[in-house]
C-alpha atoms as a PDB file:
ATOM      1  CA  UNK A   1       0.000   0.000   0.000  1.00  0.00           C
ATOM      2  CA  UNK A   2       2.411   2.597  -1.191  1.00  0.00           C
ATOM      3  CA  UNK A   3       5.379   3.674   0.920  1.00  0.00           C
ATOM      4  CA  UNK A   4       3.416   4.239   4.141  1.00  0.00           C
ATOM      5  CA  UNK A   5       4.192   2.132   7.167  1.00  0.00           C
ATOM      6  CA  UNK A   6       1.140  -0.102   7.243  1.00  0.00           C
ATOM      7  CA  UNK A   7       0.293  -1.981  10.419  1.00  0.00           C
ATOM      8  CA  UNK A   8      -2.565  -4.235  11.419  1.00  0.00           C
ATOM      9  CA  UNK A   9      -5.534  -2.269  12.728  1.00  0.00           C
ATOM     10  CA  UNK A  10      -5.909  -2.542  16.479  1.00  0.00           C
ATOM     11  CA  UNK A  11      -9.683  -2.043  16.625  1.00  0.00           C
ATOM     12  CA  UNK A  12     -10.637  -4.601  13.991  1.00  0.00           C
ATOM     13  CA  UNK A  13     -13.660  -6.673  15.056  1.00  0.00           C
ATOM     14  CA  UNK A  14     -12.783 -10.079  16.499  1.00  0.00           C
ATOM     15  CA  UNK A  15     -13.518 -13.113  14.365  1.00  0.00           C
ATOM     16  CA  UNK A  16     -16.384 -14.017  16.706  1.00  0.00           C
ATOM     17  CA  UNK A  17     -18.162 -10.886  15.490  1.00  0.00           C
ATOM     18  CA  UNK A  18     -17.517 -11.371  11.803  1.00  0.00           C
ATOM     19  CA  UNK A  19     -20.376 -10.379   9.513  1.00  0.00           C
ATOM     20  CA  UNK A  20     -21.014 -10.426   5.792  1.00  0.00           C
ATOM     21  CA  UNK A  21     -20.583  -6.684   5.317  1.00  0.00           C
ATOM     22  CA  UNK A  22     -21.295  -5.356   1.833  1.00  0.00           C
ATOM     23  CA  UNK A  23     -20.299  -8.613   0.166  1.00  0.00           C
ATOM     24  CA  UNK A  24     -17.724  -8.208  -2.591  1.00  0.00           C
ATOM     25  CA  UNK A  25     -15.657  -5.019  -2.571  1.00  0.00           C
ATOM     26  CA  UNK A  26     -17.783  -2.089  -3.777  1.00  0.00           C
ATOM     27  CA  UNK A  27     -16.807  -0.353  -6.973  1.00  0.00           C
ATOM     28  CA  UNK A  28     -14.792   2.859  -6.582  1.00  0.00           C
ATOM     29  CA  UNK A  29     -15.075   5.884  -8.858  1.00  0.00           C
ATOM     30  CA  UNK A  30     -12.478   8.675  -8.612  1.00  0.00           C
ATOM     31  CA  UNK A  31     -12.820  12.191 -10.040  1.00  0.00           C
ATOM     32  CA  UNK A  32      -9.947  14.589 -10.584  1.00  0.00           C
ATOM     33  CA  UNK A  33     -12.241  17.417  -9.463  1.00  0.00           C
ATOM     34  CA  UNK A  34     -15.828  17.611  -8.274  1.00  0.00           C
ATOM     35  CA  UNK A  35     -17.965  19.949  -6.209  1.00  0.00           C
ATOM     36  CA  UNK A  36     -18.504  17.426  -3.403  1.00  0.00           C
ATOM     37  CA  UNK A  37     -18.411  13.633  -3.199  1.00  0.00           C
ATOM     38  CA  UNK A  38     -21.511  13.723  -1.006  1.00  0.00           C
ATOM     39  CA  UNK A  39     -23.295  15.902  -3.549  1.00  0.00           C
ATOM     40  CA  UNK A  40     -22.385  13.439  -6.301  1.00  0.00           C
ATOM     41  CA  UNK A  41     -23.666  10.558  -4.190  1.00  0.00           C
ATOM     42  CA  UNK A  42     -26.941  12.420  -3.664  1.00  0.00           C
ATOM     43  CA  UNK A  43     -27.311  13.095  -7.388  1.00  0.00           C
ATOM     44  CA  UNK A  44     -26.758   9.446  -8.199  1.00  0.00           C
ATOM     45  CA  UNK A  45     -29.131   8.285  -5.481  1.00  0.00           C
ATOM     46  CA  UNK A  46     -31.869  10.620  -6.665  1.00  0.00           C
ATOM     47  CA  UNK A  47     -31.318   9.290 -10.211  1.00  0.00           C
ATOM     48  CA  UNK A  48     -31.943   5.765  -8.984  1.00  0.00           C
ATOM     49  CA  UNK A  49     -28.444   4.424  -8.319  1.00  0.00           C
ATOM     50  CA  UNK A  50     -28.239   2.327  -5.165  1.00  0.00           C
ATOM     51  CA  UNK A  51     -24.586   1.304  -4.849  1.00  0.00           C
ATOM     52  CA  UNK A  52     -22.682   0.234  -2.950  1.00  0.00           C
ATOM     53  CA  UNK A  53     -20.285   2.646  -4.639  1.00  0.00           C
ATOM     54  CA  UNK A  54     -17.330   4.609  -3.294  1.00  0.00           C
ATOM     55  CA  UNK A  55     -16.989   8.069  -4.872  1.00  0.00           C
ATOM     56  CA  UNK A  56     -13.647   9.823  -4.375  1.00  0.00           C
ATOM     57  CA  UNK A  57     -12.121  13.076  -5.598  1.00  0.00           C
ATOM     58  CA  UNK A  58      -8.604  14.486  -5.844  1.00  0.00           C
ATOM     59  CA  UNK A  59     -10.055  17.946  -5.297  1.00  0.00           C
ATOM     60  CA  UNK A  60     -13.396  19.258  -4.086  1.00  0.00           C
ATOM     61  CA  UNK A  61     -14.535  22.745  -5.003  1.00  0.00           C
ATOM     62  CA  UNK A  62     -17.457  22.677  -2.581  1.00  0.00           C
ATOM     63  CA  UNK A  63     -16.502  20.199   0.111  1.00  0.00           C
ATOM     64  CA  UNK A  64     -18.592  20.579   3.228  1.00  0.00           C
ATOM     65  CA  UNK A  65     -19.082  19.239   6.706  1.00  0.00           C
ATOM     66  CA  UNK A  66     -21.956  19.318   9.157  1.00  0.00           C
ATOM     67  CA  UNK A  67     -24.124  22.441   9.408  1.00  0.00           C
ATOM     68  CA  UNK A  68     -22.807  23.681   6.068  1.00  0.00           C
ATOM     69  CA  UNK A  69     -19.235  24.174   7.250  1.00  0.00           C
ATOM     70  CA  UNK A  70     -16.560  24.166   4.559  1.00  0.00           C
ATOM     71  CA  UNK A  71     -14.343  21.093   4.361  1.00  0.00           C
ATOM     72  CA  UNK A  72     -10.918  21.678   2.807  1.00  0.00           C
ATOM     73  CA  UNK A  73      -9.382  18.810   0.829  1.00  0.00           C
ATOM     74  CA  UNK A  74      -5.664  19.519   0.469  1.00  0.00           C
ATOM     75  CA  UNK A  75      -3.385  17.839  -2.058  1.00  0.00           C
ATOM     76  CA  UNK A  76      -2.713  14.249  -1.063  1.00  0.00           C
ATOM     77  CA  UNK A  77      -5.689  14.010   1.301  1.00  0.00           C
ATOM     78  CA  UNK A  78      -8.686  11.709   0.988  1.00  0.00           C
ATOM     79  CA  UNK A  79     -12.215  12.834   0.171  1.00  0.00           C
ATOM     80  CA  UNK A  80     -14.609   9.948  -0.398  1.00  0.00           C
ATOM     81  CA  UNK A  81     -18.264   9.012   0.014  1.00  0.00           C
ATOM     82  CA  UNK A  82     -19.876   5.596   0.128  1.00  0.00           C
ATOM     83  CA  UNK A  83     -23.299   5.443  -1.504  1.00  0.00           C
ATOM     84  CA  UNK A  84     -25.373   2.523  -0.230  1.00  0.00           C
ATOM     85  CA  UNK A  85     -28.915   1.644   0.764  1.00  0.00           C
ATOM     86  CA  UNK A  86     -30.444   0.296   3.944  1.00  0.00           C
ATOM     87  CA  UNK A  87     -33.774  -0.920   5.255  1.00  0.00           C
ATOM     88  CA  UNK A  88     -32.961   0.290   8.772  1.00  0.00           C
ATOM     89  CA  UNK A  89     -35.218   3.059  10.127  1.00  0.00           C
ATOM     90  CA  UNK A  90     -33.701   6.560  10.024  1.00  0.00           C
ATOM     91  CA  UNK A  91     -32.620   6.760  13.691  1.00  0.00           C
ATOM     92  CA  UNK A  92     -30.898   3.406  13.486  1.00  0.00           C
ATOM     93  CA  UNK A  93     -29.403   4.162  10.074  1.00  0.00           C
ATOM     94  CA  UNK A  94     -27.690   7.232  11.561  1.00  0.00           C
ATOM     95  CA  UNK A  95     -25.517   4.870  13.631  1.00  0.00           C
ATOM     96  CA  UNK A  96     -23.519   4.252  10.469  1.00  0.00           C
ATOM     97  CA  UNK A  97     -21.498   7.347  11.454  1.00  0.00           C
ATOM     98  CA  UNK A  98     -19.999   5.318  14.315  1.00  0.00           C
ATOM     99  CA  UNK A  99     -19.292   2.437  11.928  1.00  0.00           C
ATOM    100  CA  UNK A 100     -17.432   4.858   9.674  1.00  0.00           C
ATOM    101  CA  UNK A 101     -15.530   6.335  12.628  1.00  0.00           C
ATOM    102  CA  UNK A 102     -14.221   2.891  13.581  1.00  0.00           C
ATOM    103  CA  UNK A 103     -13.152   2.240   9.992  1.00  0.00           C
ATOM    104  CA  UNK A 104     -11.240   5.537   9.834  1.00  0.00           C
ATOM    105  CA  UNK A 105      -9.679   4.803  13.231  1.00  0.00           C
ATOM    106  CA  UNK A 106      -8.480   1.456  11.847  1.00  0.00           C
ATOM    107  CA  UNK A 107      -6.984   3.266   8.856  1.00  0.00           C
ATOM    108  CA  UNK A 108      -5.202   5.790  11.074  1.00  0.00           C
ATOM    109  CA  UNK A 109      -3.926   3.085  13.433  1.00  0.00           C
ATOM    110  CA  UNK A 110      -2.234   1.380  10.497  1.00  0.00           C
ATOM    111  CA  UNK A 111       0.053   4.351   9.902  1.00  0.00           C
ATOM    112  CA  UNK A 112       0.482   6.125  13.243  1.00  0.00           C
ATOM    113  CA  UNK A 113       0.917   4.895  16.803  1.00  0.00           C
ATOM    114  CA  UNK A 114      -2.505   3.374  17.601  1.00  0.00           C
ATOM    115  CA  UNK A 115      -2.547   4.812  21.117  1.00  0.00           C
ATOM    116  CA  UNK A 116      -2.633   8.300  19.580  1.00  0.00           C
ATOM    117  CA  UNK A 117      -5.851   7.589  17.671  1.00  0.00           C
ATOM    118  CA  UNK A 118      -9.164   8.442  19.326  1.00  0.00           C
ATOM    119  CA  UNK A 119     -12.728   9.038  18.184  1.00  0.00           C
ATOM    120  CA  UNK A 120     -14.690  12.129  19.136  1.00  0.00           C
ATOM    121  CA  UNK A 121     -18.485  12.297  19.439  1.00  0.00           C
ATOM    122  CA  UNK A 122     -20.112  12.216  17.045  1.00  0.00           C
ATOM    123  CA  UNK A 123     -18.009  12.415  13.886  1.00  0.00           C
ATOM    124  CA  UNK A 124     -14.334  13.246  14.477  1.00  0.00           C
ATOM    125  CA  UNK A 125     -11.204  11.112  14.440  1.00  0.00           C
ATOM    126  CA  UNK A 126      -8.269  12.573  16.351  1.00  0.00           C
ATOM    127  CA  UNK A 127      -4.539  11.929  16.365  1.00  0.00           C
ATOM    128  CA  UNK A 128      -2.789  13.129  19.510  1.00  0.00           C
ATOM    129  CA  UNK A 129      -5.905  15.132  20.382  1.00  0.00           C
ATOM    130  CA  UNK A 130      -6.074  16.997  17.070  1.00  0.00           C
ATOM    131  CA  UNK A 131      -8.624  16.456  14.334  1.00  0.00           C
ATOM    132  CA  UNK A 132      -7.386  14.284  11.482  1.00  0.00           C
ATOM    133  CA  UNK A 133     -10.677  13.245   9.869  1.00  0.00           C
ATOM    134  CA  UNK A 134     -14.379  13.993   9.818  1.00  0.00           C
ATOM    135  CA  UNK A 135     -17.533  12.197   8.752  1.00  0.00           C
ATOM    136  CA  UNK A 136     -20.758  13.516   7.215  1.00  0.00           C
ATOM    137  CA  UNK A 137     -23.734  11.198   6.771  1.00  0.00           C
ATOM    138  CA  UNK A 138     -26.703  12.219   4.640  1.00  0.00           C
ATOM    139  CA  UNK A 139     -29.733  10.192   3.632  1.00  0.00           C
ATOM    140  CA  UNK A 140     -32.991  10.194   1.728  1.00  0.00           C
ATOM    141  CA  UNK A 141     -35.964   7.958   1.064  1.00  0.00           C
ATOM    142  CA  UNK A 142     -36.017   5.666  -1.955  1.00  0.00           C
ATOM    143  CA  UNK A 143     -39.317   3.988  -1.200  1.00  0.00           C
ATOM    144  CA  UNK A 144     -41.241   3.175   1.984  1.00  0.00           C
ATOM    145  CA  UNK A 145     -38.898   1.326   4.318  1.00  0.00           C
ATOM    146  CA  UNK A 146     -35.721   1.943   2.311  1.00  0.00           C
ATOM    147  CA  UNK A 147     -33.142   4.746   2.479  1.00  0.00           C
ATOM    148  CA  UNK A 148     -30.085   5.741   0.528  1.00  0.00           C
ATOM    149  CA  UNK A 149     -27.064   6.717   2.614  1.00  0.00           C
ATOM    150  CA  UNK A 150     -24.162   8.949   1.606  1.00  0.00           C
ATOM    151  CA  UNK A 151     -21.345   8.361   4.093  1.00  0.00           C
ATOM    152  CA  UNK A 152     -18.782  11.078   3.481  1.00  0.00           C
ATOM    153  CA  UNK A 153     -15.264  10.805   4.878  1.00  0.00           C
ATOM    154  CA  UNK A 154     -12.516  13.433   4.773  1.00  0.00           C
ATOM    155  CA  UNK A 155      -9.061  12.369   5.978  1.00  0.00           C
ATOM    156  CA  UNK A 156      -5.992  14.587   6.347  1.00  0.00           C
ATOM    157  CA  UNK A 157      -3.372  12.201   5.028  1.00  0.00           C
ATOM    158  CA  UNK A 158      -0.655  14.602   3.880  1.00  0.00           C
ATOM    159  CA  UNK A 159      -1.592  18.024   5.269  1.00  0.00           C
ATOM    160  CA  UNK A 160      -4.023  19.577   7.757  1.00  0.00           C
ATOM    161  CA  UNK A 161      -6.331  22.339   6.520  1.00  0.00           C
ATOM    162  CA  UNK A 162      -4.846  25.814   6.323  1.00  0.00           C
ATOM    163  CA  UNK A 163      -7.896  27.532   7.823  1.00  0.00           C
ATOM    164  CA  UNK A 164      -9.012  25.055  10.480  1.00  0.00           C
ATOM    165  CA  UNK A 165     -11.530  26.248  13.075  1.00  0.00           C
ATOM    166  CA  UNK A 166      -9.952  23.970  15.695  1.00  0.00           C
ATOM    167  CA  UNK A 167      -6.606  22.174  16.213  1.00  0.00           C
ATOM    168  CA  UNK A 168      -5.955  19.876  13.243  1.00  0.00           C
ATOM    169  CA  UNK A 169      -3.275  17.463  12.149  1.00  0.00           C
ATOM    170  CA  UNK A 170      -2.496  14.867   9.468  1.00  0.00           C
ATOM    171  CA  UNK A 171      -1.132  11.346   9.190  1.00  0.00           C
ATOM    172  CA  UNK A 172       2.123  12.804   7.882  1.00  0.00           C
ATOM    173  CA  UNK A 173       2.684  14.642  11.163  1.00  0.00           C
ATOM    174  CA  UNK A 174       2.679  11.369  13.130  1.00  0.00           C
ATOM    175  CA  UNK A 175       3.831   8.693  10.684  1.00  0.00           C
ATOM    176  CA  UNK A 176       5.438   5.708  12.400  1.00  0.00           C
ATOM    177  CA  UNK A 177       8.827   5.893  10.661  1.00  0.00           C
ATOM    178  CA  UNK A 178      10.650   9.163   9.913  1.00  0.00           C
ATOM    179  CA  UNK A 179      11.465   8.042   6.378  1.00  0.00           C
ATOM    180  CA  UNK A 180       7.947   6.825   5.624  1.00  0.00           C
ATOM    181  CA  UNK A 181       5.199   8.715   3.859  1.00  0.00           C
ATOM    182  CA  UNK A 182       1.463   8.708   4.447  1.00  0.00           C
ATOM    183  CA  UNK A 183      -0.626   6.512   2.163  1.00  0.00           C
ATOM    184  CA  UNK A 184      -1.788   7.849  -1.160  1.00  0.00           C
ATOM    185  CA  UNK A 185      -5.504   8.664  -1.367  1.00  0.00           C
ATOM    186  CA  UNK A 186      -6.039   5.563  -3.515  1.00  0.00           C
ATOM    187  CA  UNK A 187      -4.292   3.270  -1.031  1.00  0.00           C
ATOM    188  CA  UNK A 188      -6.077   4.907   1.877  1.00  0.00           C
ATOM    189  CA  UNK A 189      -9.458   4.369   0.206  1.00  0.00           C
ATOM    190  CA  UNK A 190      -8.658   0.687  -0.378  1.00  0.00           C
ATOM    191  CA  UNK A 191      -7.825   0.210   3.312  1.00  0.00           C
ATOM    192  CA  UNK A 192     -10.776   2.317   4.467  1.00  0.00           C
ATOM    193  CA  UNK A 193     -13.244   0.381   2.303  1.00  0.00           C
ATOM    194  CA  UNK A 194     -11.995  -2.926   3.701  1.00  0.00           C
ATOM    195  CA  UNK A 195     -12.245  -1.690   7.299  1.00  0.00           C
ATOM    196  CA  UNK A 196     -15.708  -0.266   6.703  1.00  0.00           C
ATOM    197  CA  UNK A 197     -16.845  -3.560   5.220  1.00  0.00           C
ATOM    198  CA  UNK A 198     -15.693  -5.425   8.334  1.00  0.00           C
ATOM    199  CA  UNK A 199     -17.431  -3.074  10.763  1.00  0.00           C
ATOM    200  CA  UNK A 200     -20.679  -2.797   8.827  1.00  0.00           C
ATOM    201  CA  UNK A 201     -20.786  -6.589   8.849  1.00  0.00           C
ATOM    202  CA  UNK A 202     -20.647  -6.469  12.654  1.00  0.00           C
ATOM    203  CA  UNK A 203     -23.386  -3.813  12.780  1.00  0.00           C
ATOM    204  CA  UNK A 204     -25.673  -5.721  10.435  1.00  0.00           C
ATOM    205  CA  UNK A 205     -25.155  -9.047  12.210  1.00  0.00           C
ATOM    206  CA  UNK A 206     -25.064  -7.995  15.868  1.00  0.00           C
ATOM    207  CA  UNK A 207     -26.579  -4.522  16.104  1.00  0.00           C
ATOM    208  CA  UNK A 208     -25.217  -1.359  17.652  1.00  0.00           C
ATOM    209  CA  UNK A 209     -23.918  -2.891  20.896  1.00  0.00           C
ATOM    210  CA  UNK A 210     -20.515  -4.090  19.616  1.00  0.00           C
ATOM    211  CA  UNK A 211     -20.108  -0.880  17.622  1.00  0.00           C
ATOM    212  CA  UNK A 212     -20.776   1.271  20.689  1.00  0.00           C
ATOM    213  CA  UNK A 213     -18.386  -0.854  22.767  1.00  0.00           C
ATOM    214  CA  UNK A 214     -15.564  -0.560  20.230  1.00  0.00           C
ATOM    215  CA  UNK A 215     -16.214   3.167  19.779  1.00  0.00           C
ATOM    216  CA  UNK A 216     -16.191   3.733  23.555  1.00  0.00           C
ATOM    217  CA  UNK A 217     -12.838   1.951  23.859  1.00  0.00           C
ATOM    218  CA  UNK A 218     -11.414   4.625  21.516  1.00  0.00           C
ATOM    219  CA  UNK A 219     -13.410   7.582  22.801  1.00  0.00           C
ATOM    220  CA  UNK A 220     -11.909  10.994  23.556  1.00  0.00           C
ATOM    221  CA  UNK A 221     -13.170  12.911  26.562  1.00  0.00           C
ATOM    222  CA  UNK A 222     -15.499  10.474  28.296  1.00  0.00           C
ATOM    223  CA  UNK A 223     -15.718  11.061  32.040  1.00  0.00           C
ATOM    224  CA  UNK A 224     -14.560  14.660  31.606  1.00  0.00           C
ATOM    225  CA  UNK A 225     -16.273  18.009  31.908  1.00  0.00           C
ATOM    226  CA  UNK A 226     -17.537  19.519  28.706  1.00  0.00           C
ATOM    227  CA  UNK A 227     -19.860  22.134  27.273  1.00  0.00           C
ATOM    228  CA  UNK A 228     -22.489  21.145  24.724  1.00  0.00           C
ATOM    229  CA  UNK A 229     -23.586  23.978  22.464  1.00  0.00           C
ATOM    230  CA  UNK A 230     -26.974  23.073  21.024  1.00  0.00           C
ATOM    231  CA  UNK A 231     -29.204  24.943  18.621  1.00  0.00           C
ATOM    232  CA  UNK A 232     -31.151  26.794  21.336  1.00  0.00           C
ATOM    233  CA  UNK A 233     -29.152  26.296  24.532  1.00  0.00           C
ATOM    234  CA  UNK A 234     -25.727  25.582  25.970  1.00  0.00           C
ATOM    235  CA  UNK A 235     -25.251  22.913  28.627  1.00  0.00           C
ATOM    236  CA  UNK A 236     -22.352  22.005  30.897  1.00  0.00           C
ATOM    237  CA  UNK A 237     -21.745  18.609  32.421  1.00  0.00           C
ATOM    238  CA  UNK A 238     -19.744  15.402  32.232  1.00  0.00           C
ATOM    239  CA  UNK A 239     -19.735  13.246  29.097  1.00  0.00           C
ATOM    240  CA  UNK A 240     -20.675   9.773  30.294  1.00  0.00           C
ATOM    241  CA  UNK A 241     -20.850   7.820  27.062  1.00  0.00           C
ATOM    242  CA  UNK A 242     -23.281   6.662  24.401  1.00  0.00           C
ATOM    243  CA  UNK A 243     -26.832   5.532  24.915  1.00  0.00           C
ATOM    244  CA  UNK A 244     -28.346   2.635  22.999  1.00  0.00           C
ATOM    245  CA  UNK A 245     -29.035   4.826  19.963  1.00  0.00           C
ATOM    246  CA  UNK A 246     -25.707   6.678  19.806  1.00  0.00           C
ATOM    247  CA  UNK A 247     -26.684   9.897  21.581  1.00  0.00           C
ATOM    248  CA  UNK A 248     -24.135  11.383  23.996  1.00  0.00           C
ATOM    249  CA  UNK A 249     -25.189  11.050  27.642  1.00  0.00           C
ATOM    250  CA  UNK A 250     -24.378  14.297  29.450  1.00  0.00           C
ATOM    251  CA  UNK A 251     -24.664  14.352  33.252  1.00  0.00           C
ATOM    252  CA  UNK A 252     -25.595  17.849  34.431  1.00  0.00           C
ATOM    253  CA  UNK A 253     -24.464  19.395  37.712  1.00  0.00           C
ATOM    254  CA  UNK A 254     -27.687  18.393  39.455  1.00  0.00           C
ATOM    255  CA  UNK A 255     -27.303  14.771  38.400  1.00  0.00           C
ATOM    256  CA  UNK A 256     -29.855  14.715  35.599  1.00  0.00           C
ATOM    257  CA  UNK A 257     -28.882  13.061  32.289  1.00  0.00           C
ATOM    258  CA  UNK A 258     -29.471  14.847  29.000  1.00  0.00           C
ATOM    259  CA  UNK A 259     -29.318  13.079  25.670  1.00  0.00           C
ATOM    260  CA  UNK A 260     -27.323  15.075  23.140  1.00  0.00           C
ATOM    261  CA  UNK A 261     -28.223  14.072  19.607  1.00  0.00           C
ATOM    262  CA  UNK A 262     -26.702  16.998  17.718  1.00  0.00           C
ATOM    263  CA  UNK A 263     -24.467  19.927  18.563  1.00  0.00           C
ATOM    264  CA  UNK A 264     -20.896  21.058  19.210  1.00  0.00           C
ATOM    265  CA  UNK A 265     -19.110  19.697  22.261  1.00  0.00           C
ATOM    266  CA  UNK A 266     -16.165  21.469  23.919  1.00  0.00           C
ATOM    267  CA  UNK A 267     -13.909  19.594  26.333  1.00  0.00           C
ATOM    268  CA  UNK A 268     -11.546  21.120  28.871  1.00  0.00           C
ATOM    269  CA  UNK A 269      -8.583  20.541  26.530  1.00  0.00           C
ATOM    270  CA  UNK A 270     -10.132  23.106  24.224  1.00  0.00           C
ATOM    271  CA  UNK A 271     -11.014  20.678  21.450  1.00  0.00           C
ATOM    272  CA  UNK A 272     -14.307  21.262  19.725  1.00  0.00           C
ATOM    273  CA  UNK A 273     -16.174  18.217  18.512  1.00  0.00           C
ATOM    274  CA  UNK A 274     -19.303  17.624  16.522  1.00  0.00           C
ATOM    275  CA  UNK A 275     -18.550  19.452  13.274  1.00  0.00           C
ATOM    276  CA  UNK A 276     -17.157  17.592  10.314  1.00  0.00           C
END
């Protein structure tokens, strides 16, 4: 896989939790330039394409994250979206973001010291406490009981963004061997697709429990004080972990638990989470 220092992923699901995943490796389509891989996935889905199909781009002119934030794809970085369908209900289908986070964590752990790799609720992957990747999941109805999913992944392989809103980093900043290079976008997509296929097999076969357990083992900030900035209010408390649906459980000062399903979360180390 190129000149990067590839290692076995440390969070790969155990053989006892093996599932079928997406079957044979999905097709991958790479553009030299496109507005957004998620936008292309949406266009194809609305035209009737169901995938599974990975859509990647060397350059995005309109890359975006959650809440319309701009996502910068520097030279040598990965921008890719998996288009697929599911019969899971919308709330359950949204758990695919945690599946994707585990796959990206596996990818990162193959090239940097695994202990440096953590996942941040709900859609960030960190290396040494700095954002190295983000995930954006979008969906739409195909027919009653069936959804298309566009699972967008942006990974800073070679360089962090130049105008980051929060501390950012790249694989290249933490590569295992000084003489090694980060993986190429093509090699990274191959490894990411394989990791995603393993984890989605676990999710399909065993539900969200094993996904939540594996995600929690990698989680950044659990048990620590944080501030959750929601659409209409700001809360302070301690991040206790995920509930059965993937919401963040926030224990307030008075002991009450609030479920956080969307928002920006600030921890005491100053890192902002929740925005791809």
